[in-house]
């Protein structure tokens, strides 16, 4: 999938889409799921090439997902080390039990806090919300602009 992210193309690898599809909340008994977006940033494109998946150390319910911070940081460090600093933390993903997902105030605050606390040298973070039928993709820049990213093709 491709999206337009300011002056860059945002590409979600097929493996990432397939992972998201596995966690869609299609049934009432399914909890929210989530994880971290990993990828590479180039002058003309951003590629989300992998994502983390929920662990037994995360907490979740039908309408919430809390990732284990220590485990998540360990994953970020591992990806960084394994790639010699090329694969970086790009943001967060999680599911919503909605046909067409939209971010909650909590979602927006989470991304703002992540941007405030990041030590990464990038000027944006991404959020992907996986709904039953669609995705919501947004970026938050260092100036606090939260912008929904529009899909350009599948």
Foldseek 3Di string as FASTA:
>chain_A
DWWDDPQAIEEEDPVAVVVLLVQACPDQFGKKWKFFFKWADDPHYTYRDDTDTADPPWDIDLADTGHDVVVRVVVQVVVCVVVVNGMHTQAMEMEHAAQDDDDDPVRLVVLVVCLVPDPDPDFKHWYWYRHNHDIWIWIAGPVGDIGTIDGPDD
